[in-house]
Amino acid sequence: MIRFQVGIVRYAAVARQLARELACEVIPECRIGHGRIYITFRNLGGVGWPLGQQGDYAQRVAAVVRGILESDHRRTIQRRTRSAVVVVFEDRALVHGCSAVGRWECVVPAPQKLASSTLW
């Protein structure tokens, strides 16, 4: 049996544009692969936000990322707008001399296309 391998590619240009559009001082890591778009914010403080604020921010990030990818001139990148977006907050701190890492992750599903048979 042949295994199909799918790689993960980092897109720094997408991450920088995302940070600009979100007016975020922290440039996230943007990885695309394995059928998903991964956006990781480190030391943004998002782990400590209220759950509603985290979810709203994840939805906003997903919408902005999809807009950025749609406007890209590369067809392979444009096709990724149909992928789920995984938004991750990772915060690190020292607690009593120990390194502590907090992580929050949200998977924003890909938008569903309506089939013509489901319309009235």
Protein backbone atom coordinates (compact mmCIF):
# COMPACT_ATOMS: atom_id res chain seq x y z
CA MET A 1 0.00 0.00 0.00
CA ILE A 2 1.33 3.44 -0.96
CA ARG A 3 1.03 6.18 1.62
CA PHE A 4 -0.01 9.59 0.40
CA GLN A 5 2.00 12.28 2.14
CA VAL A 6 0.78 15.83 2.42
CA GLY A 7 3.23 18.45 3.59
CA ILE A 8 2.71 21.56 5.64
CA VAL A 9 3.84 24.86 4.16
CA ARG A 10 4.38 28.06 6.12
CA TYR A 11 3.11 31.31 4.61
CA ALA A 12 4.82 34.29 6.25
CA ALA A 13 3.33 36.78 3.78
CA VAL A 14 -0.20 35.69 4.69
CA ALA A 15 0.65 35.97 8.39
CA ARG A 16 2.01 39.51 7.99
CA GLN A 17 -1.03 40.63 6.01
CA LEU A 18 -3.34 39.02 8.59
CA ALA A 19 -1.58 40.89 11.42
CA ARG A 20 -1.96 44.18 9.49
CA GLU A 21 -5.66 43.65 8.79
CA LEU A 22 -6.38 42.66 12.39
CA ALA A 23 -4.26 45.54 13.73
CA CYS A 24 -2.41 42.96 15.79
CA GLU A 25 1.10 43.62 17.09
CA VAL A 26 1.86 39.90 17.24
CA ILE A 27 2.47 38.32 13.83
CA PRO A 28 0.92 34.85 13.91
CA GLU A 29 2.33 31.71 12.39
CA CYS A 30 0.40 30.59 9.31
CA ARG A 31 0.68 26.99 8.17
CA ILE A 32 -1.37 25.36 5.46
CA GLY A 33 -1.51 21.61 5.14
CA HIS A 34 -3.30 18.41 6.01
CA GLY A 35 -6.54 19.94 4.72
CA ARG A 36 -6.53 22.84 7.19
CA ILE A 37 -5.21 26.34 7.65
CA TYR A 38 -3.43 26.76 11.01
CA ILE A 39 -3.09 30.24 12.51
CA THR A 40 -1.12 30.31 15.77
CA PHE A 41 -0.86 33.45 17.93
CA ARG A 42 1.89 33.26 20.54
CA ASN A 43 1.98 35.50 23.63
CA LEU A 44 -1.06 37.51 22.56
CA GLY A 45 -2.82 36.87 25.87
CA GLY A 46 -5.74 35.14 24.12
CA VAL A 47 -5.74 32.15 26.49
CA GLY A 48 -7.01 34.39 29.28
CA TRP A 49 -9.78 36.08 27.29
CA PRO A 50 -13.42 35.23 28.01
CA LEU A 51 -14.67 32.32 25.90
CA GLY A 52 -17.02 34.51 23.86
CA GLN A 53 -14.23 36.91 22.97
CA GLN A 54 -11.98 34.02 21.94
CA GLY A 55 -14.68 32.59 19.67
CA ASP A 56 -15.48 35.96 18.10
CA TYR A 57 -11.80 36.58 17.40
CA ALA A 58 -11.40 33.11 15.87
CA GLN A 59 -14.37 33.76 13.54
CA ARG A 60 -12.90 37.12 12.54
CA VAL A 61 -9.48 35.58 11.91
CA ALA A 62 -11.03 32.86 9.74
CA ALA A 63 -12.95 35.42 7.65
CA VAL A 64 -9.88 37.62 7.15
CA VAL A 65 -7.64 34.65 6.27
CA ARG A 66 -10.13 33.39 3.71
CA GLY A 67 -10.31 36.87 2.17
CA ILE A 68 -6.51 37.04 1.95
CA LEU A 69 -6.31 33.60 0.34
CA GLU A 70 -9.09 34.40 -2.15
CA SER A 71 -7.20 37.46 -3.35
CA ASP A 72 -3.95 35.51 -3.84
CA HIS A 73 -2.90 35.05 -7.47
CA ARG A 74 -1.89 31.40 -6.95
CA ARG A 75 -4.68 28.95 -7.74
CA THR A 76 -3.43 26.38 -5.23
CA ILE A 77 -3.72 28.98 -2.47
CA GLN A 78 -7.15 30.17 -3.61
CA ARG A 79 -8.47 26.61 -3.31
CA ARG A 80 -7.55 26.60 0.39
CA THR A 81 -10.44 28.97 1.17
CA ARG A 82 -12.61 25.84 1.34
CA SER A 83 -10.49 24.45 4.21
CA ALA A 84 -11.23 24.65 7.91
CA VAL A 85 -9.28 27.33 9.81
CA VAL A 86 -7.68 26.34 13.11
CA VAL A 87 -7.02 29.34 15.36
CA VAL A 88 -4.63 28.68 18.23
CA PHE A 89 -3.62 30.91 21.14
CA GLU A 90 -0.43 29.88 22.97
CA ASP A 91 0.69 31.89 25.98
CA ARG A 92 3.76 31.23 28.10
CA ALA A 93 4.49 32.44 31.61
CA LEU A 94 6.70 31.69 34.57
CA VAL A 95 4.75 30.39 37.56
CA HIS A 96 6.81 29.93 40.73
CA GLY A 97 9.93 29.47 38.61
CA CYS A 98 8.31 26.91 36.32
CA SER A 99 7.53 27.45 32.66
CA ALA A 100 3.79 27.20 32.06
CA VAL A 101 2.15 27.04 28.64
CA GLY A 102 -1.53 27.77 28.09
CA ARG A 103 -3.16 26.73 24.83
CA TRP A 104 -6.62 27.40 23.37
CA GLU A 105 -7.66 26.03 19.99
CA CYS A 106 -10.74 26.57 17.86
CA VAL A 107 -11.58 24.89 14.55
CA VAL A 108 -13.71 27.14 12.34
CA PRO A 109 -15.30 24.84 9.77
CA ALA A 110 -15.15 25.59 6.08
CA PRO A 111 -18.17 27.39 4.68
CA GLN A 112 -20.68 25.01 3.17
CA LYS A 113 -21.77 25.52 -0.40
CA LEU A 114 -25.47 25.15 -1.03
CA ALA A 115 -26.28 22.62 -3.69
CA SER A 116 -28.76 23.82 -6.29
CA SER A 117 -31.11 20.99 -5.27
CA THR A 118 -31.43 22.42 -1.75
CA LEU A 119 -32.83 25.71 -2.98
CA TRP A 120 -36.54 26.28 -3.17
